[in-house]
C-alpha cells in the first residue's frame, strides 16, 4: 500500500518475480498476477485483516501513517 494512491482501495503484492494489485473490498486482482497458491493465502489474509487494511488505506489517503498488520500464521 502506498500513500496517496488512487481508488479503489488496493494493495500491491510481490511474490518472487510476480506482482499483483488486489482490490481490498472485492478481493479481486486488478492488475498483474501471482501464483495461485500464494493468491489464496493473500486473499485469506485480506479477509482476516480487512478492517486494518481499510483503516490503513484511509489513513494513508489523508496523509497519516499506517499501522503494521500481523501476517498470516
PDB file of N, CA and C in Angstrom:
ATOM      1  N   UNK A   1       0.859  -1.160   0.000  1.00  0.00           N
ATOM      2  CA  UNK A   1       0.000   0.000   0.000  1.00  0.00           C
ATOM      3  C   UNK A   1       0.907   1.225   0.000  1.00  0.00           C
ATOM      4  N   UNK A   2       0.581   2.164  -0.848  1.00  0.00           N
ATOM      5  CA  UNK A   2       1.372   3.387  -0.947  1.00  0.00           C
ATOM      6  C   UNK A   2       0.515   4.588  -0.559  1.00  0.00           C
ATOM      7  N   UNK A   3       1.169   5.621  -0.046  1.00  0.00           N
ATOM      8  CA  UNK A   3       0.457   6.846   0.331  1.00  0.00           C
ATOM      9  C   UNK A   3      -0.083   7.543  -0.909  1.00  0.00           C
ATOM     10  N   UNK A   4      -1.248   8.136  -0.734  1.00  0.00           N
ATOM     11  CA  UNK A   4      -1.896   8.950  -1.774  1.00  0.00           C
ATOM     12  C   UNK A   4      -2.133   8.179  -3.074  1.00  0.00           C
ATOM     13  N   UNK A   5      -2.596   6.973  -2.935  1.00  0.00           N
ATOM     14  CA  UNK A   5      -2.909   6.120  -4.092  1.00  0.00           C
ATOM     15  C   UNK A   5      -4.275   6.461  -4.659  1.00  0.00           C
ATOM     16  N   UNK A   6      -4.552   5.904  -5.796  1.00  0.00           N
ATOM     17  CA  UNK A   6      -5.831   6.079  -6.478  1.00  0.00           C
ATOM     18  C   UNK A   6      -6.816   5.008  -6.012  1.00  0.00           C
ATOM     19  N   UNK A   7      -8.095   5.282  -6.164  1.00  0.00           N
ATOM     20  CA  UNK A   7      -9.129   4.301  -5.845  1.00  0.00           C
ATOM     21  C   UNK A   7      -9.220   3.280  -6.956  1.00  0.00           C
ATOM     22  N   UNK A   8      -9.729   2.103  -6.735  1.00  0.00           N
ATOM     23  CA  UNK A   8     -10.310   1.591  -5.499  1.00  0.00           C
ATOM     24  C   UNK A   8      -9.211   1.250  -4.479  1.00  0.00           C
ATOM     25  N   UNK A   9      -9.598   1.137  -3.196  1.00  0.00           N
ATOM     26  CA  UNK A   9      -8.633   0.738  -2.181  1.00  0.00           C
ATOM     27  C   UNK A   9      -7.996  -0.598  -2.582  1.00  0.00           C
ATOM     28  N   UNK A  10      -6.669  -0.646  -2.551  1.00  0.00           N
ATOM     29  CA  UNK A  10      -5.988  -1.857  -3.011  1.00  0.00           C
ATOM     30  C   UNK A  10      -4.638  -2.014  -2.326  1.00  0.00           C
ATOM     31  N   UNK A  11      -4.075  -3.204  -2.481  1.00  0.00           N
ATOM     32  CA  UNK A  11      -2.726  -3.480  -2.003  1.00  0.00           C
ATOM     33  C   UNK A  11      -1.895  -3.992  -3.169  1.00  0.00           C
ATOM     34  N   UNK A  12      -0.591  -3.831  -3.042  1.00  0.00           N
ATOM     35  CA  UNK A  12       0.355  -4.366  -4.011  1.00  0.00           C
ATOM     36  C   UNK A  12       0.997  -5.590  -3.366  1.00  0.00           C
ATOM     37  N   UNK A  13       1.028  -6.690  -4.095  1.00  0.00           N
ATOM     38  CA  UNK A  13       1.584  -7.940  -3.582  1.00  0.00           C
ATOM     39  C   UNK A  13       2.770  -8.334  -4.454  1.00  0.00           C
ATOM     40  N   UNK A  14       3.891  -8.625  -3.817  1.00  0.00           N
ATOM     41  CA  UNK A  14       5.093  -9.049  -4.529  1.00  0.00           C
ATOM     42  C   UNK A  14       5.431 -10.468  -4.097  1.00  0.00           C
ATOM     43  N   UNK A  15       5.671 -11.325  -5.064  1.00  0.00           N
ATOM     44  CA  UNK A  15       5.977 -12.724  -4.794  1.00  0.00           C
ATOM     45  C   UNK A  15       7.000 -13.186  -5.836  1.00  0.00           C
ATOM     46  N   UNK A  16       8.260 -13.253  -5.428  1.00  0.00           N
ATOM     47  CA  UNK A  16       9.308 -13.603  -6.386  1.00  0.00           C
ATOM     48  C   UNK A  16       9.358 -12.584  -7.506  1.00  0.00           C
ATOM     49  N   UNK A  17       9.248 -13.054  -8.738  1.00  0.00           N
ATOM     50  CA  UNK A  17       9.252 -12.168  -9.903  1.00  0.00           C
ATOM     51  C   UNK A  17       7.855 -11.700 -10.291  1.00  0.00           C
ATOM     52  N   UNK A  18       6.876 -12.014  -9.487  1.00  0.00           N
ATOM     53  CA  UNK A  18       5.488 -11.684  -9.787  1.00  0.00           C
ATOM     54  C   UNK A  18       5.021 -10.510  -8.934  1.00  0.00           C
ATOM     55  N   UNK A  19       4.084  -9.756  -9.490  1.00  0.00           N
ATOM     56  CA  UNK A  19       3.467  -8.646  -8.764  1.00  0.00           C
ATOM     57  C   UNK A  19       1.996  -8.586  -9.143  1.00  0.00           C
ATOM     58  N   UNK A  20       1.156  -8.312  -8.167  1.00  0.00           N
ATOM     59  CA  UNK A  20      -0.275  -8.163  -8.427  1.00  0.00           C
ATOM     60  C   UNK A  20      -0.817  -7.034  -7.564  1.00  0.00           C
ATOM     61  N   UNK A  21      -1.891  -6.424  -8.041  1.00  0.00           N
ATOM     62  CA  UNK A  21      -2.613  -5.402  -7.296  1.00  0.00           C
ATOM     63  C   UNK A  21      -3.992  -5.978  -7.024  1.00  0.00           C
ATOM     64  N   UNK A  22      -4.380  -6.031  -5.741  1.00  0.00           N
ATOM     65  CA  UNK A  22      -5.664  -6.617  -5.348  1.00  0.00           C
ATOM     66  C   UNK A  22      -6.566  -5.589  -4.696  1.00  0.00           C
ATOM     67  N   UNK A  23      -7.823  -5.579  -5.098  1.00  0.00           N
ATOM     68  CA  UNK A  23      -8.850  -4.722  -4.521  1.00  0.00           C
ATOM     69  C   UNK A  23      -9.147  -5.220  -3.104  1.00  0.00           C
ATOM     70  N   UNK A  24      -9.053  -4.337  -2.124  1.00  0.00           N
ATOM     71  CA  UNK A  24      -9.258  -4.731  -0.724  1.00  0.00           C
ATOM     72  C   UNK A  24     -10.701  -5.161  -0.468  1.00  0.00           C
ATOM     73  N   UNK A  25     -11.652  -4.487  -1.062  1.00  0.00           N
ATOM     74  CA  UNK A  25     -13.055  -4.775  -0.777  1.00  0.00           C
ATOM     75  C   UNK A  25     -13.602  -5.941  -1.582  1.00  0.00           C
ATOM     76  N   UNK A  26     -13.212  -6.054  -2.834  1.00  0.00           N
ATOM     77  CA  UNK A  26     -13.749  -7.111  -3.698  1.00  0.00           C
ATOM     78  C   UNK A  26     -12.859  -8.352  -3.756  1.00  0.00           C
ATOM     79  N   UNK A  27     -11.631  -8.229  -3.253  1.00  0.00           N
ATOM     80  CA  UNK A  27     -10.658  -9.325  -3.236  1.00  0.00           C
ATOM     81  C   UNK A  27     -10.295  -9.842  -4.626  1.00  0.00           C
ATOM     82  N   UNK A  28     -10.463  -9.011  -5.642  1.00  0.00           N
ATOM     83  CA  UNK A  28     -10.113  -9.462  -6.982  1.00  0.00           C
ATOM     84  C   UNK A  28      -8.798  -8.836  -7.423  1.00  0.00           C
ATOM     85  N   UNK A  29      -8.154  -9.493  -8.378  1.00  0.00           N
ATOM     86  CA  UNK A  29      -6.905  -8.981  -8.928  1.00  0.00           C
ATOM     87  C   UNK A  29      -7.243  -7.886  -9.934  1.00  0.00           C
ATOM     88  N   UNK A  30      -6.706  -6.710  -9.710  1.00  0.00           N
ATOM     89  CA  UNK A  30      -6.928  -5.573 -10.597  1.00  0.00           C
ATOM     90  C   UNK A  30      -5.903  -5.586 -11.720  1.00  0.00           C
ATOM     91  N   UNK A  31      -4.697  -5.989 -11.362  1.00  0.00           N
ATOM     92  CA  UNK A  31      -3.593  -5.922 -12.321  1.00  0.00           C
ATOM     93  C   UNK A  31      -2.529  -6.938 -11.934  1.00  0.00           C
ATOM     94  N   UNK A  32      -1.858  -7.533 -12.908  1.00  0.00           N
ATOM     95  CA  UNK A  32      -0.755  -8.446 -12.660  1.00  0.00           C
ATOM     96  C   UNK A  32      -1.221  -9.833 -12.263  1.00  0.00           C
ATOM     97  N   UNK A  33      -0.284 -10.606 -11.706  1.00  0.00           N
ATOM     98  CA  UNK A  33      -0.615 -11.955 -11.244  1.00  0.00           C
ATOM     99  C   UNK A  33       0.451 -12.465 -10.299  1.00  0.00           C
ATOM    100  N   UNK A  34       0.057 -13.386  -9.453  1.00  0.00           N
ATOM    101  CA  UNK A  34       0.959 -14.134  -8.591  1.00  0.00           C
ATOM    102  C   UNK A  34       0.510 -15.587  -8.655  1.00  0.00           C
ATOM    103  N   UNK A  35       1.369 -16.528  -8.259  1.00  0.00           N
ATOM    104  CA  UNK A  35       0.974 -17.933  -8.306  1.00  0.00           C
ATOM    105  C   UNK A  35      -0.320 -18.193  -7.531  1.00  0.00           C
ATOM    106  N   UNK A  36      -1.126 -19.102  -8.044  1.00  0.00           N
ATOM    107  CA  UNK A  36      -2.466 -19.375  -7.499  1.00  0.00           C
ATOM    108  C   UNK A  36      -2.439 -19.714  -6.011  1.00  0.00           C
ATOM    109  N   UNK A  37      -1.508 -20.536  -5.572  1.00  0.00           N
ATOM    110  CA  UNK A  37      -1.451 -20.914  -4.148  1.00  0.00           C
ATOM    111  C   UNK A  37      -1.152 -19.702  -3.271  1.00  0.00           C
ATOM    112  N   UNK A  38      -0.294 -18.824  -3.743  1.00  0.00           N
ATOM    113  CA  UNK A  38       0.021 -17.607  -2.986  1.00  0.00           C
ATOM    114  C   UNK A  38      -1.174 -16.661  -2.974  1.00  0.00           C
ATOM    115  N   UNK A  39      -1.895 -16.589  -4.081  1.00  0.00           N
ATOM    116  CA  UNK A  39      -3.078 -15.736  -4.166  1.00  0.00           C
ATOM    117  C   UNK A  39      -4.129 -16.165  -3.147  1.00  0.00           C
ATOM    118  N   UNK A  40      -4.312 -17.463  -2.984  1.00  0.00           N
ATOM    119  CA  UNK A  40      -5.264 -17.976  -1.988  1.00  0.00           C
ATOM    120  C   UNK A  40      -4.867 -17.521  -0.591  1.00  0.00           C
ATOM    121  N   UNK A  41      -3.575 -17.607  -0.271  1.00  0.00           N
ATOM    122  CA  UNK A  41      -3.102 -17.187   1.053  1.00  0.00           C
ATOM    123  C   UNK A  41      -3.274 -15.679   1.259  1.00  0.00           C
ATOM    124  N   UNK A  42      -2.967 -14.905   0.247  1.00  0.00           N
ATOM    125  CA  UNK A  42      -3.110 -13.445   0.352  1.00  0.00           C
ATOM    126  C   UNK A  42      -4.576 -13.080   0.562  1.00  0.00           C
ATOM    127  N   UNK A  43      -5.469 -13.707  -0.184  1.00  0.00           N
ATOM    128  CA  UNK A  43      -6.902 -13.402  -0.029  1.00  0.00           C
ATOM    129  C   UNK A  43      -7.402 -13.795   1.356  1.00  0.00           C
ATOM    130  N   UNK A  44      -6.925 -14.923   1.891  1.00  0.00           N
ATOM    131  CA  UNK A  44      -7.322 -15.333   3.249  1.00  0.00           C
ATOM    132  C   UNK A  44      -6.860 -14.286   4.259  1.00  0.00           C
ATOM    133  N   UNK A  45      -5.631 -13.815   4.101  1.00  0.00           N
ATOM    134  CA  UNK A  45      -5.109 -12.785   4.989  1.00  0.00           C
ATOM    135  C   UNK A  45      -5.921 -11.504   4.860  1.00  0.00           C
ATOM    136  N   UNK A  46      -6.284 -11.136   3.638  1.00  0.00           N
ATOM    137  CA  UNK A  46      -7.068  -9.923   3.416  1.00  0.00           C
ATOM    138  C   UNK A  46      -8.438 -10.003   4.088  1.00  0.00           C
ATOM    139  N   UNK A  47      -9.057 -11.162   4.057  1.00  0.00           N
ATOM    140  CA  UNK A  47     -10.356 -11.343   4.723  1.00  0.00           C
ATOM    141  C   UNK A  47     -10.190 -11.149   6.231  1.00  0.00           C
ATOM    142  N   UNK A  48      -9.161 -11.778   6.788  1.00  0.00           N
ATOM    143  CA  UNK A  48      -8.932 -11.683   8.233  1.00  0.00           C
ATOM    144  C   UNK A  48      -8.562 -10.264   8.674  1.00  0.00           C
ATOM    145  N   UNK A  49      -7.927  -9.525   7.808  1.00  0.00           N
ATOM    146  CA  UNK A  49      -7.405  -8.200   8.165  1.00  0.00           C
ATOM    147  C   UNK A  49      -8.072  -7.056   7.405  1.00  0.00           C
ATOM    148  N   UNK A  50      -9.284  -7.285   6.924  1.00  0.00           N
ATOM    149  CA  UNK A  50      -9.951  -6.281   6.083  1.00  0.00           C
ATOM    150  C   UNK A  50     -10.137  -4.941   6.797  1.00  0.00           C
ATOM    151  N   UNK A  51     -10.478  -4.957   8.069  1.00  0.00           N
ATOM    152  CA  UNK A  51     -10.678  -3.699   8.801  1.00  0.00           C
ATOM    153  C   UNK A  51      -9.375  -2.916   8.919  1.00  0.00           C
ATOM    154  N   UNK A  52      -8.294  -3.631   9.250  1.00  0.00           N
ATOM    155  CA  UNK A  52      -7.000  -2.966   9.361  1.00  0.00           C
ATOM    156  C   UNK A  52      -6.535  -2.426   8.011  1.00  0.00           C
ATOM    157  N   UNK A  53      -6.764  -3.194   6.945  1.00  0.00           N
ATOM    158  CA  UNK A  53      -6.383  -2.739   5.608  1.00  0.00           C
ATOM    159  C   UNK A  53      -7.128  -1.469   5.226  1.00  0.00           C
ATOM    160  N   UNK A  54      -8.426  -1.436   5.475  1.00  0.00           N
ATOM    161  CA  UNK A  54      -9.215  -0.245   5.138  1.00  0.00           C
ATOM    162  C   UNK A  54      -8.824   0.943   6.010  1.00  0.00           C
ATOM    163  N   UNK A  55      -8.541   0.687   7.269  1.00  0.00           N
ATOM    164  CA  UNK A  55      -8.112   1.778   8.159  1.00  0.00           C
ATOM    165  C   UNK A  55      -6.786   2.362   7.655  1.00  0.00           C
ATOM    166  N   UNK A  56      -5.855   1.490   7.255  1.00  0.00           N
ATOM    167  CA  UNK A  56      -4.589   1.971   6.708  1.00  0.00           C
ATOM    168  C   UNK A  56      -4.805   2.739   5.415  1.00  0.00           C
ATOM    169  N   UNK A  57      -5.711   2.245   4.564  1.00  0.00           N
ATOM    170  CA  UNK A  57      -5.996   2.939   3.305  1.00  0.00           C
ATOM    171  C   UNK A  57      -6.492   4.357   3.588  1.00  0.00           C
ATOM    172  N   UNK A  58      -7.440   4.463   4.520  1.00  0.00           N
ATOM    173  CA  UNK A  58      -8.000   5.770   4.862  1.00  0.00           C
ATOM    174  C   UNK A  58      -6.937   6.687   5.475  1.00  0.00           C
ATOM    175  N   UNK A  59      -6.122   6.139   6.370  1.00  0.00           N
ATOM    176  CA  UNK A  59      -5.063   6.941   6.991  1.00  0.00           C
ATOM    177  C   UNK A  59      -4.071   7.439   5.952  1.00  0.00           C
ATOM    178  N   UNK A  60      -3.616   6.567   5.077  1.00  0.00           N
ATOM    179  CA  UNK A  60      -2.644   6.958   4.062  1.00  0.00           C
ATOM    180  C   UNK A  60      -3.245   7.954   3.072  1.00  0.00           C
ATOM    181  N   UNK A  61      -4.518   7.793   2.764  1.00  0.00           N
ATOM    182  CA  UNK A  61      -5.186   8.721   1.847  1.00  0.00           C
ATOM    183  C   UNK A  61      -5.261  10.131   2.429  1.00  0.00           C
ATOM    184  N   UNK A  62      -5.250  10.221   3.751  1.00  0.00           N
ATOM    185  CA  UNK A  62      -5.323  11.516   4.432  1.00  0.00           C
ATOM    186  C   UNK A  62      -3.948  12.031   4.837  1.00  0.00           C
ATOM    187  N   UNK A  63      -2.908  11.325   4.406  1.00  0.00           N
ATOM    188  CA  UNK A  63      -1.549  11.759   4.711  1.00  0.00           C
ATOM    189  C   UNK A  63      -1.038  11.324   6.065  1.00  0.00           C
ATOM    190  N   UNK A  64      -1.777  10.470   6.755  1.00  0.00           N
ATOM    191  CA  UNK A  64      -1.352   9.969   8.061  1.00  0.00           C
ATOM    192  C   UNK A  64      -0.520   8.699   7.864  1.00  0.00           C
ATOM    193  N   UNK A  65       0.038   8.200   8.930  1.00  0.00           N
ATOM    194  CA  UNK A  65       0.826   6.975   8.881  1.00  0.00           C
ATOM    195  C   UNK A  65      -0.046   5.742   8.814  1.00  0.00           C
ATOM    196  N   UNK A  66       0.595   4.609   8.832  1.00  0.00           N
ATOM    197  CA  UNK A  66      -0.152   3.359   8.796  1.00  0.00           C
ATOM    198  C   UNK A  66       0.247   2.470   9.961  1.00  0.00           C
ATOM    199  N   UNK A  67      -0.616   1.516  10.263  1.00  0.00           N
ATOM    200  CA  UNK A  67      -0.367   0.555  11.330  1.00  0.00           C
ATOM    201  C   UNK A  67       0.198  -0.718  10.722  1.00  0.00           C
ATOM    202  N   UNK A  68       1.118  -1.342  11.429  1.00  0.00           N
ATOM    203  CA  UNK A  68       1.635  -2.624  10.987  1.00  0.00           C
ATOM    204  C   UNK A  68       0.504  -3.657  11.147  1.00  0.00           C
ATOM    205  N   UNK A  69       0.354  -4.519  10.157  1.00  0.00           N
ATOM    206  CA  UNK A  69      -0.687  -5.556  10.181  1.00  0.00           C
ATOM    207  C   UNK A  69      -0.033  -6.912  10.320  1.00  0.00           C
ATOM    208  N   UNK A  70      -0.553  -7.699  11.242  1.00  0.00           N
ATOM    209  CA  UNK A  70       0.011  -9.029  11.502  1.00  0.00           C
ATOM    210  C   UNK A  70      -0.052  -9.902  10.249  1.00  0.00           C
ATOM    211  N   UNK A  71       0.988 -10.700  10.026  1.00  0.00           N
ATOM    212  CA  UNK A  71       0.973 -11.621   8.871  1.00  0.00           C
ATOM    213  C   UNK A  71       0.072 -12.817   9.142  1.00  0.00           C
ATOM    214  N   UNK A  72      -0.193 -13.562   8.095  1.00  0.00           N
ATOM    215  CA  UNK A  72      -0.951 -14.805   8.217  1.00  0.00           C
ATOM    216  C   UNK A  72      -0.038 -15.837   8.840  1.00  0.00           C
ATOM    217  N   UNK A  73      -0.528 -16.527   9.845  1.00  0.00           N
ATOM    218  CA  UNK A  73       0.303 -17.548  10.526  1.00  0.00           C
ATOM    219  C   UNK A  73      -0.311 -18.917  10.363  1.00  0.00           C
TER     220      UNK A  73
END
